[in-house]
Amino acid sequence: STLTFIGYATGWFRRAPGKEREFVAAISWSGYMTRYSDSVKGRFT
């Protein structure tokens, strides 16, 4: 909502009811590097 994503790696996390927050996926600024949690690999992009 302010400034830009310039230079930042970005990603997604989630928190299910009654559980701790967990990592889902991340992507580098260039887009060349990504990583996924095992639970979403192959289903999420």
PDB file of all heavy atoms in Angstrom:
ATOM      1  N   SER A   1       0.826  -1.208   0.000  1.00  0.00           N
ATOM      2  CA  SER A   1       0.000   0.000   0.000  1.00  0.00           C
ATOM      3  C   SER A   1       0.860   1.257   0.000  1.00  0.00           C
ATOM      4  O   SER A   1       0.390   2.334  -0.356  1.00  0.00           O
ATOM      5  CB  SER A   1      -0.920   0.016   1.219  1.00  0.00           C
ATOM      6  OG  SER A   1      -0.162   0.014   2.405  1.00  0.00           O
ATOM      7  N   THR A   2       2.107   1.100   0.415  1.00  0.00           N
ATOM      8  CA  THR A   2       3.032   2.225   0.368  1.00  0.00           C
ATOM      9  C   THR A   2       4.337   1.744  -0.237  1.00  0.00           C
ATOM     10  O   THR A   2       4.681   0.577  -0.143  1.00  0.00           O
ATOM     11  CB  THR A   2       3.310   2.781   1.767  1.00  0.00           C
ATOM     12  OG1 THR A   2       3.853   1.733   2.579  1.00  0.00           O
ATOM     13  CG2 THR A   2       2.042   3.295   2.414  1.00  0.00           C
ATOM     14  N   LEU A   3       5.046   2.619  -0.851  1.00  0.00           N
ATOM     15  CA  LEU A   3       6.315   2.317  -1.498  1.00  0.00           C
ATOM     16  C   LEU A   3       6.138   1.174  -2.492  1.00  0.00           C
ATOM     17  O   LEU A   3       5.105   1.050  -3.108  1.00  0.00           O
ATOM     18  CB  LEU A   3       7.385   2.002  -0.441  1.00  0.00           C
ATOM     19  CG  LEU A   3       7.670   3.130   0.539  1.00  0.00           C
ATOM     20  CD1 LEU A   3       8.705   2.697   1.558  1.00  0.00           C
ATOM     21  CD2 LEU A   3       8.142   4.372  -0.204  1.00  0.00           C
ATOM     22  N   THR A   4       7.132   0.336  -2.647  1.00  0.00           N
ATOM     23  CA  THR A   4       7.071  -0.735  -3.635  1.00  0.00           C
ATOM     24  C   THR A   4       7.759  -1.967  -3.086  1.00  0.00           C
ATOM     25  O   THR A   4       8.350  -1.960  -2.017  1.00  0.00           O
ATOM     26  CB  THR A   4       7.780  -0.332  -4.939  1.00  0.00           C
ATOM     27  OG1 THR A   4       9.189  -0.328  -4.714  1.00  0.00           O
ATOM     28  CG2 THR A   4       7.350   1.037  -5.416  1.00  0.00           C
ATOM     29  N   PHE A   5       7.705  -3.028  -3.887  1.00  0.00           N
ATOM     30  CA  PHE A   5       8.388  -4.261  -3.551  1.00  0.00           C
ATOM     31  C   PHE A   5       9.841  -4.253  -4.011  1.00  0.00           C
ATOM     32  O   PHE A   5      10.534  -5.245  -3.846  1.00  0.00           O
ATOM     33  CB  PHE A   5       7.702  -5.446  -4.243  1.00  0.00           C
ATOM     34  CG  PHE A   5       6.534  -6.006  -3.507  1.00  0.00           C
ATOM     35  CD1 PHE A   5       5.429  -6.472  -4.201  1.00  0.00           C
ATOM     36  CD2 PHE A   5       6.517  -6.103  -2.126  1.00  0.00           C
ATOM     37  CE1 PHE A   5       4.336  -7.011  -3.544  1.00  0.00           C
ATOM     38  CE2 PHE A   5       5.433  -6.629  -1.446  1.00  0.00           C
ATOM     39  CZ  PHE A   5       4.344  -7.091  -2.169  1.00  0.00           C
ATOM     40  N   ILE A   6      10.299  -3.155  -4.582  1.00  0.00           N
ATOM     41  CA  ILE A   6      11.604  -3.142  -5.227  1.00  0.00           C
ATOM     42  C   ILE A   6      12.697  -3.706  -4.310  1.00  0.00           C
ATOM     43  O   ILE A   6      12.911  -3.223  -3.209  1.00  0.00           O
ATOM     44  CB  ILE A   6      11.981  -1.725  -5.682  1.00  0.00           C
ATOM     45  CG1 ILE A   6      11.073  -1.286  -6.839  1.00  0.00           C
ATOM     46  CG2 ILE A   6      13.444  -1.652  -6.117  1.00  0.00           C
ATOM     47  CD1 ILE A   6      11.328   0.117  -7.297  1.00  0.00           C
ATOM     48  N   GLY A   7      13.369  -4.745  -4.806  1.00  0.00           N
ATOM     49  CA  GLY A   7      14.493  -5.332  -4.100  1.00  0.00           C
ATOM     50  C   GLY A   7      14.133  -6.339  -3.031  1.00  0.00           C
ATOM     51  O   GLY A   7      15.004  -7.021  -2.503  1.00  0.00           O
ATOM     52  N   TYR A   8      12.867  -6.470  -2.701  1.00  0.00           N
ATOM     53  CA  TYR A   8      12.477  -7.364  -1.601  1.00  0.00           C
ATOM     54  C   TYR A   8      12.133  -8.771  -2.092  1.00  0.00           C
ATOM     55  O   TYR A   8      11.430  -8.932  -3.077  1.00  0.00           O
ATOM     56  CB  TYR A   8      11.246  -6.825  -0.881  1.00  0.00           C
ATOM     57  CG  TYR A   8      11.493  -5.615  -0.026  1.00  0.00           C
ATOM     58  CD1 TYR A   8      10.909  -4.393  -0.347  1.00  0.00           C
ATOM     59  CD2 TYR A   8      12.287  -5.699   1.107  1.00  0.00           C
ATOM     60  CE1 TYR A   8      11.117  -3.283   0.443  1.00  0.00           C
ATOM     61  CE2 TYR A   8      12.496  -4.588   1.903  1.00  0.00           C
ATOM     62  CZ  TYR A   8      11.917  -3.385   1.561  1.00  0.00           C
ATOM     63  OH  TYR A   8      12.119  -2.285   2.351  1.00  0.00           O
ATOM     64  N   ALA A   9      12.599  -9.762  -1.357  1.00  0.00           N
ATOM     65  CA  ALA A   9      12.016 -11.090  -1.492  1.00  0.00           C
ATOM     66  C   ALA A   9      10.649 -11.051  -0.821  1.00  0.00           C
ATOM     67  O   ALA A   9      10.448 -10.325   0.162  1.00  0.00           O
ATOM     68  CB  ALA A   9      12.907 -12.132  -0.820  1.00  0.00           C
ATOM     69  N   THR A  10       9.710 -11.805  -1.350  1.00  0.00           N
ATOM     70  CA  THR A  10       8.353 -11.802  -0.812  1.00  0.00           C
ATOM     71  C   THR A  10       7.863 -13.236  -0.663  1.00  0.00           C
ATOM     72  O   THR A  10       8.419 -14.160  -1.264  1.00  0.00           O
ATOM     73  CB  THR A  10       7.408 -11.032  -1.744  1.00  0.00           C
ATOM     74  OG1 THR A  10       7.523 -11.549  -3.076  1.00  0.00           O
ATOM     75  CG2 THR A  10       7.738  -9.544  -1.767  1.00  0.00           C
ATOM     76  N   GLY A  11       6.824 -13.378   0.124  1.00  0.00           N
ATOM     77  CA  GLY A  11       6.346 -14.735   0.336  1.00  0.00           C
ATOM     78  C   GLY A  11       4.992 -14.780   1.004  1.00  0.00           C
ATOM     79  O   GLY A  11       4.382 -13.744   1.282  1.00  0.00           O
ATOM     80  N   TRP A  12       4.540 -16.003   1.252  1.00  0.00           N
ATOM     81  CA  TRP A  12       3.248 -16.256   1.870  1.00  0.00           C
ATOM     82  C   TRP A  12       3.414 -17.167   3.090  1.00  0.00           C
ATOM     83  O   TRP A  12       4.195 -18.117   3.056  1.00  0.00           O
ATOM     84  CB  TRP A  12       2.299 -16.921   0.865  1.00  0.00           C
ATOM     85  CG  TRP A  12       1.930 -16.048  -0.270  1.00  0.00           C
ATOM     86  CD1 TRP A  12       2.563 -15.962  -1.481  1.00  0.00           C
ATOM     87  CD2 TRP A  12       0.843 -15.120  -0.328  1.00  0.00           C
ATOM     88  NE1 TRP A  12       1.934 -15.037  -2.277  1.00  0.00           N
ATOM     89  CE2 TRP A  12       0.871 -14.512  -1.596  1.00  0.00           C
ATOM     90  CE3 TRP A  12      -0.161 -14.749   0.574  1.00  0.00           C
ATOM     91  CZ2 TRP A  12      -0.062 -13.542  -1.990  1.00  0.00           C
ATOM     92  CZ3 TRP A  12      -1.085 -13.801   0.194  1.00  0.00           C
ATOM     93  CH2 TRP A  12      -1.032 -13.208  -1.079  1.00  0.00           C
ATOM     94  N   PHE A  13       2.656 -16.856   4.109  1.00  0.00           N
ATOM     95  CA  PHE A  13       2.536 -17.684   5.303  1.00  0.00           C
ATOM     96  C   PHE A  13       1.055 -17.920   5.546  1.00  0.00           C
ATOM     97  O   PHE A  13       0.206 -17.256   4.950  1.00  0.00           O
ATOM     98  CB  PHE A  13       3.146 -16.964   6.517  1.00  0.00           C
ATOM     99  CG  PHE A  13       4.632 -16.792   6.451  1.00  0.00           C
ATOM    100  CD1 PHE A  13       5.212 -15.860   5.617  1.00  0.00           C
ATOM    101  CD2 PHE A  13       5.464 -17.577   7.244  1.00  0.00           C
ATOM    102  CE1 PHE A  13       6.585 -15.702   5.550  1.00  0.00           C
ATOM    103  CE2 PHE A  13       6.842 -17.429   7.192  1.00  0.00           C
ATOM    104  CZ  PHE A  13       7.402 -16.486   6.349  1.00  0.00           C
ATOM    105  N   ARG A  14       0.754 -18.860   6.418  1.00  0.00           N
ATOM    106  CA  ARG A  14      -0.646 -19.088   6.779  1.00  0.00           C
ATOM    107  C   ARG A  14      -0.744 -19.525   8.227  1.00  0.00           C
ATOM    108  O   ARG A  14       0.196 -20.075   8.793  1.00  0.00           O
ATOM    109  CB  ARG A  14      -1.296 -20.123   5.863  1.00  0.00           C
ATOM    110  CG  ARG A  14      -0.742 -21.527   6.004  1.00  0.00           C
ATOM    111  CD  ARG A  14      -1.363 -22.444   4.937  1.00  0.00           C
ATOM    112  NE  ARG A  14      -0.903 -23.816   5.070  1.00  0.00           N
ATOM    113  CZ  ARG A  14      -1.184 -24.779   4.202  1.00  0.00           C
ATOM    114  NH1 ARG A  14      -1.928 -24.522   3.120  1.00  0.00           N
ATOM    115  NH2 ARG A  14      -0.732 -26.006   4.406  1.00  0.00           N
ATOM    116  N   ARG A  15      -1.925 -19.250   8.788  1.00  0.00           N
ATOM    117  CA  ARG A  15      -2.209 -19.693  10.151  1.00  0.00           C
ATOM    118  C   ARG A  15      -3.572 -20.352  10.151  1.00  0.00           C
ATOM    119  O   ARG A  15      -4.588 -19.692   9.902  1.00  0.00           O
ATOM    120  CB  ARG A  15      -2.187 -18.531  11.140  1.00  0.00           C
ATOM    121  CG  ARG A  15      -2.322 -18.994  12.589  1.00  0.00           C
ATOM    122  CD  ARG A  15      -2.584 -17.835  13.512  1.00  0.00           C
ATOM    123  NE  ARG A  15      -1.543 -16.824  13.478  1.00  0.00           N
ATOM    124  CZ  ARG A  15      -0.452 -16.846  14.233  1.00  0.00           C
ATOM    125  NH1 ARG A  15      -0.261 -17.840  15.078  1.00  0.00           N
ATOM    126  NH2 ARG A  15       0.434 -15.870  14.143  1.00  0.00           N
ATOM    127  N   ALA A  16      -3.571 -21.637  10.421  1.00  0.00           N
ATOM    128  CA  ALA A  16      -4.817 -22.389  10.516  1.00  0.00           C
ATOM    129  C   ALA A  16      -5.389 -22.271  11.923  1.00  0.00           C
ATOM    130  O   ALA A  16      -4.640 -21.994  12.868  1.00  0.00           O
ATOM    131  CB  ALA A  16      -4.570 -23.847  10.171  1.00  0.00           C
ATOM    132  N   PRO A  17      -6.684 -22.474  12.085  1.00  0.00           N
ATOM    133  CA  PRO A  17      -7.289 -22.377  13.414  1.00  0.00           C
ATOM    134  C   PRO A  17      -6.596 -23.280  14.412  1.00  0.00           C
ATOM    135  O   PRO A  17      -6.408 -24.483  14.165  1.00  0.00           O
ATOM    136  CB  PRO A  17      -8.737 -22.815  13.172  1.00  0.00           C
ATOM    137  CG  PRO A  17      -8.990 -22.526  11.741  1.00  0.00           C
ATOM    138  CD  PRO A  17      -7.681 -22.770  11.043  1.00  0.00           C
ATOM    139  N   GLY A  18      -6.179 -22.715  15.524  1.00  0.00           N
ATOM    140  CA  GLY A  18      -5.563 -23.493  16.588  1.00  0.00           C
ATOM    141  C   GLY A  18      -4.129 -23.902  16.332  1.00  0.00           C
ATOM    142  O   GLY A  18      -3.560 -24.674  17.107  1.00  0.00           O
ATOM    143  N   LYS A  19      -3.544 -23.413  15.261  1.00  0.00           N
ATOM    144  CA  LYS A  19      -2.166 -23.796  14.925  1.00  0.00           C
ATOM    145  C   LYS A  19      -1.267 -22.569  14.824  1.00  0.00           C
ATOM    146  O   LYS A  19      -1.741 -21.446  14.726  1.00  0.00           O
ATOM    147  CB  LYS A  19      -2.147 -24.574  13.606  1.00  0.00           C
ATOM    148  CG  LYS A  19      -2.877 -25.901  13.652  1.00  0.00           C
ATOM    149  CD  LYS A  19      -2.683 -26.672  12.366  1.00  0.00           C
ATOM    150  CE  LYS A  19      -3.359 -28.022  12.427  1.00  0.00           C
ATOM    151  NZ  LYS A  19      -3.159 -28.801  11.180  1.00  0.00           N
ATOM    152  N   GLU A  20       0.016 -22.833  14.831  1.00  0.00           N
ATOM    153  CA  GLU A  20       0.969 -21.746  14.684  1.00  0.00           C
ATOM    154  C   GLU A  20       1.085 -21.339  13.206  1.00  0.00           C
ATOM    155  O   GLU A  20       0.781 -22.119  12.305  1.00  0.00           O
ATOM    156  CB  GLU A  20       2.344 -22.175  15.207  1.00  0.00           C
ATOM    157  CG  GLU A  20       2.370 -22.412  16.707  1.00  0.00           C
ATOM    158  CD  GLU A  20       3.774 -22.684  17.216  1.00  0.00           C
ATOM    159  OE1 GLU A  20       4.688 -22.818  16.399  1.00  0.00           O
ATOM    160  OE2 GLU A  20       3.936 -22.775  18.443  1.00  0.00           O
ATOM    161  N   ARG A  21       1.565 -20.124  13.003  1.00  0.00           N
ATOM    162  CA  ARG A  21       1.796 -19.662  11.649  1.00  0.00           C
ATOM    163  C   ARG A  21       2.862 -20.525  10.977  1.00  0.00           C
ATOM    164  O   ARG A  21       3.854 -20.890  11.613  1.00  0.00           O
ATOM    165  CB  ARG A  21       2.255 -18.212  11.676  1.00  0.00           C
ATOM    166  CG  ARG A  21       2.336 -17.534  10.327  1.00  0.00           C
ATOM    167  CD  ARG A  21       2.868 -16.140  10.474  1.00  0.00           C
ATOM    168  NE  ARG A  21       4.252 -16.152  10.939  1.00  0.00           N
ATOM    169  CZ  ARG A  21       4.839 -15.129  11.537  1.00  0.00           C
ATOM    170  NH1 ARG A  21       4.170 -14.018  11.775  1.00  0.00           N
ATOM    171  NH2 ARG A  21       6.109 -15.213  11.907  1.00  0.00           N
ATOM    172  N   GLU A  22       2.650 -20.838   9.709  1.00  0.00           N
ATOM    173  CA  GLU A  22       3.630 -21.644   8.999  1.00  0.00           C
ATOM    174  C   GLU A  22       3.975 -21.020   7.649  1.00  0.00           C
ATOM    175  O   GLU A  22       3.160 -20.337   7.032  1.00  0.00           O
ATOM    176  CB  GLU A  22       3.104 -23.073   8.774  1.00  0.00           C
ATOM    177  CG  GLU A  22       1.908 -23.180   7.855  1.00  0.00           C
ATOM    178  CD  GLU A  22       1.587 -24.620   7.480  1.00  0.00           C
ATOM    179  OE1 GLU A  22       2.430 -25.518   7.644  1.00  0.00           O
ATOM    180  OE2 GLU A  22       0.456 -24.830   6.968  1.00  0.00           O
ATOM    181  N   PHE A  23       5.184 -21.287   7.216  1.00  0.00           N
ATOM    182  CA  PHE A  23       5.669 -20.832   5.924  1.00  0.00           C
ATOM    183  C   PHE A  23       4.963 -21.607   4.820  1.00  0.00           C
ATOM    184  O   PHE A  23       4.766 -22.816   4.921  1.00  0.00           O
ATOM    185  CB  PHE A  23       7.178 -21.040   5.844  1.00  0.00           C
ATOM    186  CG  PHE A  23       7.745 -20.864   4.470  1.00  0.00           C
ATOM    187  CD1 PHE A  23       7.920 -19.603   3.941  1.00  0.00           C
ATOM    188  CD2 PHE A  23       8.103 -21.962   3.707  1.00  0.00           C
ATOM    189  CE1 PHE A  23       8.440 -19.434   2.667  1.00  0.00           C
ATOM    190  CE2 PHE A  23       8.630 -21.818   2.450  1.00  0.00           C
ATOM    191  CZ  PHE A  23       8.808 -20.545   1.923  1.00  0.00           C
ATOM    192  N   VAL A  24       4.605 -20.894   3.735  1.00  0.00           N
ATOM    193  CA  VAL A  24       3.972 -21.541   2.592  1.00  0.00           C
ATOM    194  C   VAL A  24       4.879 -21.505   1.366  1.00  0.00           C
ATOM    195  O   VAL A  24       5.181 -22.539   0.772  1.00  0.00           O
ATOM    196  CB  VAL A  24       2.623 -20.876   2.260  1.00  0.00           C
ATOM    197  CG1 VAL A  24       2.017 -21.476   0.993  1.00  0.00           C
ATOM    198  CG2 VAL A  24       1.654 -21.002   3.427  1.00  0.00           C
ATOM    199  N   ALA A  25       5.301 -20.301   0.974  1.00  0.00           N
ATOM    200  CA  ALA A  25       6.121 -20.168  -0.230  1.00  0.00           C
ATOM    201  C   ALA A  25       6.810 -18.811  -0.224  1.00  0.00           C
ATOM    202  O   ALA A  25       6.352 -17.880   0.429  1.00  0.00           O
ATOM    203  CB  ALA A  25       5.267 -20.309  -1.488  1.00  0.00           C
ATOM    204  N   ALA A  26       7.918 -18.727  -0.976  1.00  0.00           N
ATOM    205  CA  ALA A  26       8.638 -17.467  -1.101  1.00  0.00           C
ATOM    206  C   ALA A  26       9.242 -17.371  -2.492  1.00  0.00           C
ATOM    207  O   ALA A  26       9.462 -18.381  -3.168  1.00  0.00           O
ATOM    208  CB  ALA A  26       9.732 -17.358  -0.037  1.00  0.00           C
ATOM    209  N   ILE A  27       9.518 -16.125  -2.886  1.00  0.00           N
ATOM    210  CA  ILE A  27      10.099 -15.869  -4.201  1.00  0.00           C
ATOM    211  C   ILE A  27      11.067 -14.696  -4.088  1.00  0.00           C
ATOM    212  O   ILE A  27      10.808 -13.731  -3.366  1.00  0.00           O
ATOM    213  CB  ILE A  27       8.985 -15.590  -5.241  1.00  0.00           C
ATOM    214  CG1 ILE A  27       9.558 -15.476  -6.646  1.00  0.00           C
ATOM    215  CG2 ILE A  27       8.179 -14.352  -4.861  1.00  0.00           C
ATOM    216  CD1 ILE A  27       8.479 -15.500  -7.738  1.00  0.00           C
ATOM    217  N   SER A  28      12.182 -14.796  -4.781  1.00  0.00           N
ATOM    218  CA  SER A  28      13.166 -13.723  -4.758  1.00  0.00           C
ATOM    219  C   SER A  28      12.685 -12.541  -5.593  1.00  0.00           C
ATOM    220  O   SER A  28      11.733 -12.654  -6.360  1.00  0.00           O
ATOM    221  CB  SER A  28      14.503 -14.233  -5.297  1.00  0.00           C
ATOM    222  OG  SER A  28      14.356 -14.630  -6.654  1.00  0.00           O
ATOM    223  N   TRP A  29      13.361 -11.422  -5.452  1.00  0.00           N
ATOM    224  CA  TRP A  29      12.987 -10.232  -6.216  1.00  0.00           C
ATOM    225  C   TRP A  29      13.028 -10.512  -7.717  1.00  0.00           C
ATOM    226  O   TRP A  29      12.147 -10.113  -8.463  1.00  0.00           O
ATOM    227  CB  TRP A  29      13.938  -9.086  -5.875  1.00  0.00           C
ATOM    228  CG  TRP A  29      13.970  -7.997  -6.881  1.00  0.00           C
ATOM    229  CD1 TRP A  29      14.992  -7.650  -7.693  1.00  0.00           C
ATOM    230  CD2 TRP A  29      12.895  -7.108  -7.211  1.00  0.00           C
ATOM    231  NE1 TRP A  29      14.625  -6.597  -8.515  1.00  0.00           N
ATOM    232  CE2 TRP A  29      13.365  -6.248  -8.230  1.00  0.00           C
ATOM    233  CE3 TRP A  29      11.585  -6.945  -6.727  1.00  0.00           C
ATOM    234  CZ2 TRP A  29      12.567  -5.242  -8.786  1.00  0.00           C
ATOM    235  CZ3 TRP A  29      10.806  -5.946  -7.280  1.00  0.00           C
ATOM    236  CH2 TRP A  29      11.290  -5.110  -8.291  1.00  0.00           C
ATOM    237  N   SER A  30      14.039 -11.247  -8.166  1.00  0.00           N
ATOM    238  CA  SER A  30      14.174 -11.541  -9.589  1.00  0.00           C
ATOM    239  C   SER A  30      13.169 -12.584 -10.062  1.00  0.00           C
ATOM    240  O   SER A  30      12.890 -12.693 -11.255  1.00  0.00           O
ATOM    241  CB  SER A  30      15.581 -12.053  -9.882  1.00  0.00           C
ATOM    242  OG  SER A  30      15.778 -13.320  -9.261  1.00  0.00           O
ATOM    243  N   GLY A  31      12.664 -13.356  -9.125  1.00  0.00           N
ATOM    244  CA  GLY A  31      11.755 -14.436  -9.491  1.00  0.00           C
ATOM    245  C   GLY A  31      12.455 -15.741  -9.799  1.00  0.00           C
ATOM    246  O   GLY A  31      11.800 -16.772  -9.992  1.00  0.00           O
ATOM    247  N   TYR A  32      13.794 -15.749  -9.815  1.00  0.00           N
ATOM    248  CA  TYR A  32      14.520 -16.956 -10.186  1.00  0.00           C
ATOM    249  C   TYR A  32      14.580 -17.978  -9.047  1.00  0.00           C
ATOM    250  O   TYR A  32      14.768 -19.166  -9.289  1.00  0.00           O
ATOM    251  CB  TYR A  32      15.932 -16.610 -10.630  1.00  0.00           C
ATOM    252  CG  TYR A  32      15.975 -15.967 -11.993  1.00  0.00           C
ATOM    253  CD1 TYR A  32      16.528 -14.703 -12.158  1.00  0.00           C
ATOM    254  CD2 TYR A  32      15.470 -16.614 -13.105  1.00  0.00           C
ATOM    255  CE1 TYR A  32      16.565 -14.106 -13.407  1.00  0.00           C
ATOM    256  CE2 TYR A  32      15.499 -16.023 -14.357  1.00  0.00           C
ATOM    257  CZ  TYR A  32      16.048 -14.768 -14.496  1.00  0.00           C
ATOM    258  OH  TYR A  32      16.079 -14.180 -15.732  1.00  0.00           O
ATOM    259  N   MET A  33      14.464 -17.528  -7.814  1.00  0.00           N
ATOM    260  CA  MET A  33      14.536 -18.443  -6.678  1.00  0.00           C
ATOM    261  C   MET A  33      13.165 -18.523  -6.027  1.00  0.00           C
ATOM    262  O   MET A  33      12.542 -17.493  -5.754  1.00  0.00           O
ATOM    263  CB  MET A  33      15.563 -17.953  -5.651  1.00  0.00           C
ATOM    264  CG  MET A  33      15.738 -18.890  -4.468  1.00  0.00           C
ATOM    265  SD  MET A  33      16.824 -18.195  -3.183  1.00  0.00           S
ATOM    266  CE  MET A  33      18.345 -18.074  -4.090  1.00  0.00           C
ATOM    267  N   THR A  34      12.705 -19.736  -5.809  1.00  0.00           N
ATOM    268  CA  THR A  34      11.464 -19.968  -5.089  1.00  0.00           C
ATOM    269  C   THR A  34      11.654 -21.119  -4.110  1.00  0.00           C
ATOM    270  O   THR A  34      12.581 -21.919  -4.238  1.00  0.00           O
ATOM    271  CB  THR A  34      10.297 -20.316  -6.030  1.00  0.00           C
ATOM    272  OG1 THR A  34      10.614 -21.506  -6.760  1.00  0.00           O
ATOM    273  CG2 THR A  34       9.993 -19.188  -6.996  1.00  0.00           C
ATOM    274  N   ARG A  35      10.761 -21.171  -3.148  1.00  0.00           N
ATOM    275  CA  ARG A  35      10.771 -22.286  -2.209  1.00  0.00           C
ATOM    276  C   ARG A  35       9.349 -22.504  -1.730  1.00  0.00           C
ATOM    277  O   ARG A  35       8.591 -21.549  -1.545  1.00  0.00           O
ATOM    278  CB  ARG A  35      11.692 -22.016  -1.017  1.00  0.00           C
ATOM    279  CG  ARG A  35      11.863 -23.229  -0.104  1.00  0.00           C
ATOM    280  CD  ARG A  35      12.810 -22.924   1.044  1.00  0.00           C
ATOM    281  NE  ARG A  35      12.964 -24.074   1.921  1.00  0.00           N
ATOM    282  CZ  ARG A  35      14.032 -24.860   1.912  1.00  0.00           C
ATOM    283  NH1 ARG A  35      15.030 -24.621   1.076  1.00  0.00           N
ATOM    284  NH2 ARG A  35      14.117 -25.886   2.730  1.00  0.00           N
ATOM    285  N   TYR A  36       8.998 -23.762  -1.515  1.00  0.00           N
ATOM    286  CA  TYR A  36       7.657 -24.126  -1.072  1.00  0.00           C
ATOM    287  C   TYR A  36       7.737 -25.049   0.126  1.00  0.00           C
ATOM    288  O   TYR A  36       8.693 -25.839   0.258  1.00  0.00           O
ATOM    289  CB  TYR A  36       6.885 -24.841  -2.190  1.00  0.00           C
ATOM    290  CG  TYR A  36       6.653 -24.017  -3.422  1.00  0.00           C
ATOM    291  CD1 TYR A  36       7.584 -24.004  -4.460  1.00  0.00           C
ATOM    292  CD2 TYR A  36       5.506 -23.248  -3.559  1.00  0.00           C
ATOM    293  CE1 TYR A  36       7.371 -23.250  -5.599  1.00  0.00           C
ATOM    294  CE2 TYR A  36       5.280 -22.488  -4.703  1.00  0.00           C
ATOM    295  CZ  TYR A  36       6.225 -22.495  -5.709  1.00  0.00           C
ATOM    296  OH  TYR A  36       6.003 -21.740  -6.842  1.00  0.00           O
ATOM    297  N   SER A  37       6.712 -24.991   0.957  1.00  0.00           N
ATOM    298  CA  SER A  37       6.620 -25.984   2.012  1.00  0.00           C
ATOM    299  C   SER A  37       6.214 -27.308   1.370  1.00  0.00           C
ATOM    300  O   SER A  37       5.597 -27.341   0.295  1.00  0.00           O
ATOM    301  CB  SER A  37       5.582 -25.564   3.050  1.00  0.00           C
ATOM    302  OG  SER A  37       4.278 -25.585   2.483  1.00  0.00           O
ATOM    303  N   ASP A  38       6.551 -28.379   2.027  1.00  0.00           N
ATOM    304  CA  ASP A  38       6.230 -29.695   1.485  1.00  0.00           C
ATOM    305  C   ASP A  38       4.720 -29.891   1.334  1.00  0.00           C
ATOM    306  O   ASP A  38       4.265 -30.598   0.442  1.00  0.00           O
ATOM    307  CB  ASP A  38       6.804 -30.786   2.386  1.00  0.00           C
ATOM    308  CG  ASP A  38       8.318 -30.868   2.296  1.00  0.00           C
ATOM    309  OD1 ASP A  38       8.887 -30.352   1.314  1.00  0.00           O
ATOM    310  OD2 ASP A  38       8.929 -31.443   3.222  1.00  0.00           O
ATOM    311  N   SER A  39       3.964 -29.256   2.196  1.00  0.00           N
ATOM    312  CA  SER A  39       2.521 -29.456   2.186  1.00  0.00           C
ATOM    313  C   SER A  39       1.825 -28.838   0.967  1.00  0.00           C
ATOM    314  O   SER A  39       0.702 -29.233   0.642  1.00  0.00           O
ATOM    315  CB  SER A  39       1.898 -28.896   3.470  1.00  0.00           C
ATOM    316  OG  SER A  39       2.139 -27.499   3.563  1.00  0.00           O
ATOM    317  N   VAL A  40       2.479 -27.903   0.297  1.00  0.00           N
ATOM    318  CA  VAL A  40       1.840 -27.257  -0.860  1.00  0.00           C
ATOM    319  C   VAL A  40       2.599 -27.489  -2.155  1.00  0.00           C
ATOM    320  O   VAL A  40       2.108 -27.132  -3.234  1.00  0.00           O
ATOM    321  CB  VAL A  40       1.669 -25.734  -0.631  1.00  0.00           C
ATOM    322  CG1 VAL A  40       0.949 -25.456   0.675  1.00  0.00           C
ATOM    323  CG2 VAL A  40       3.012 -25.012  -0.685  1.00  0.00           C
ATOM    324  N   LYS A  41       3.767 -28.079  -2.066  1.00  0.00           N
ATOM    325  CA  LYS A  41       4.595 -28.284  -3.257  1.00  0.00           C
ATOM    326  C   LYS A  41       3.842 -29.099  -4.290  1.00  0.00           C
ATOM    327  O   LYS A  41       3.230 -30.112  -3.985  1.00  0.00           O
ATOM    328  CB  LYS A  41       5.891 -28.985  -2.859  1.00  0.00           C
ATOM    329  CG  LYS A  41       7.003 -28.938  -3.885  1.00  0.00           C
ATOM    330  CD  LYS A  41       8.266 -29.558  -3.321  1.00  0.00           C
ATOM    331  CE  LYS A  41       8.790 -28.799  -2.122  1.00  0.00           C
ATOM    332  NZ  LYS A  41      10.044 -29.382  -1.589  1.00  0.00           N
ATOM    333  N   GLY A  42       3.850 -28.616  -5.523  1.00  0.00           N
ATOM    334  CA  GLY A  42       3.139 -29.298  -6.596  1.00  0.00           C
ATOM    335  C   GLY A  42       1.710 -28.827  -6.784  1.00  0.00           C
ATOM    336  O   GLY A  42       1.086 -29.120  -7.806  1.00  0.00           O
ATOM    337  N   ARG A  43       1.179 -28.111  -5.809  1.00  0.00           N
ATOM    338  CA  ARG A  43      -0.201 -27.608  -5.905  1.00  0.00           C
ATOM    339  C   ARG A  43      -0.252 -26.091  -5.973  1.00  0.00           C
ATOM    340  O   ARG A  43      -1.134 -25.522  -6.618  1.00  0.00           O
ATOM    341  CB  ARG A  43      -1.023 -28.084  -4.704  1.00  0.00           C
ATOM    342  CG  ARG A  43      -1.138 -29.593  -4.597  1.00  0.00           C
ATOM    343  CD  ARG A  43      -2.119 -29.985  -3.476  1.00  0.00           C
ATOM    344  NE  ARG A  43      -1.675 -29.526  -2.166  1.00  0.00           N
ATOM    345  CZ  ARG A  43      -2.387 -28.727  -1.377  1.00  0.00           C
ATOM    346  NH1 ARG A  43      -3.571 -28.272  -1.772  1.00  0.00           N
ATOM    347  NH2 ARG A  43      -1.916 -28.371  -0.193  1.00  0.00           N
ATOM    348  N   PHE A  44       0.664 -25.428  -5.285  1.00  0.00           N
ATOM    349  CA  PHE A  44       0.697 -23.970  -5.236  1.00  0.00           C
ATOM    350  C   PHE A  44       1.860 -23.459  -6.085  1.00  0.00           C
ATOM    351  O   PHE A  44       2.922 -24.093  -6.143  1.00  0.00           O
ATOM    352  CB  PHE A  44       0.896 -23.475  -3.809  1.00  0.00           C
ATOM    353  CG  PHE A  44      -0.266 -23.694  -2.890  1.00  0.00           C
ATOM    354  CD1 PHE A  44      -1.329 -24.530  -3.217  1.00  0.00           C
ATOM    355  CD2 PHE A  44      -0.301 -23.058  -1.653  1.00  0.00           C
ATOM    356  CE1 PHE A  44      -2.392 -24.728  -2.353  1.00  0.00           C
ATOM    357  CE2 PHE A  44      -1.354 -23.239  -0.780  1.00  0.00           C
ATOM    358  CZ  PHE A  44      -2.394 -24.078  -1.128  1.00  0.00           C
ATOM    359  N   THR A  45       1.657 -22.301  -6.721  1.00  0.00           N
ATOM    360  CA  THR A  45       2.709 -21.664  -7.499  1.00  0.00           C
ATOM    361  C   THR A  45       2.786 -20.190  -7.126  1.00  0.00           C
ATOM    362  O   THR A  45       1.794 -19.470  -7.252  1.00  0.00           O
ATOM    363  CB  THR A  45       2.455 -21.789  -9.001  1.00  0.00           C
ATOM    364  OG1 THR A  45       2.342 -23.176  -9.353  1.00  0.00           O
ATOM    365  CG2 THR A  45       3.590 -21.156  -9.795  1.00  0.00           C
TER     366      THR A  45
END
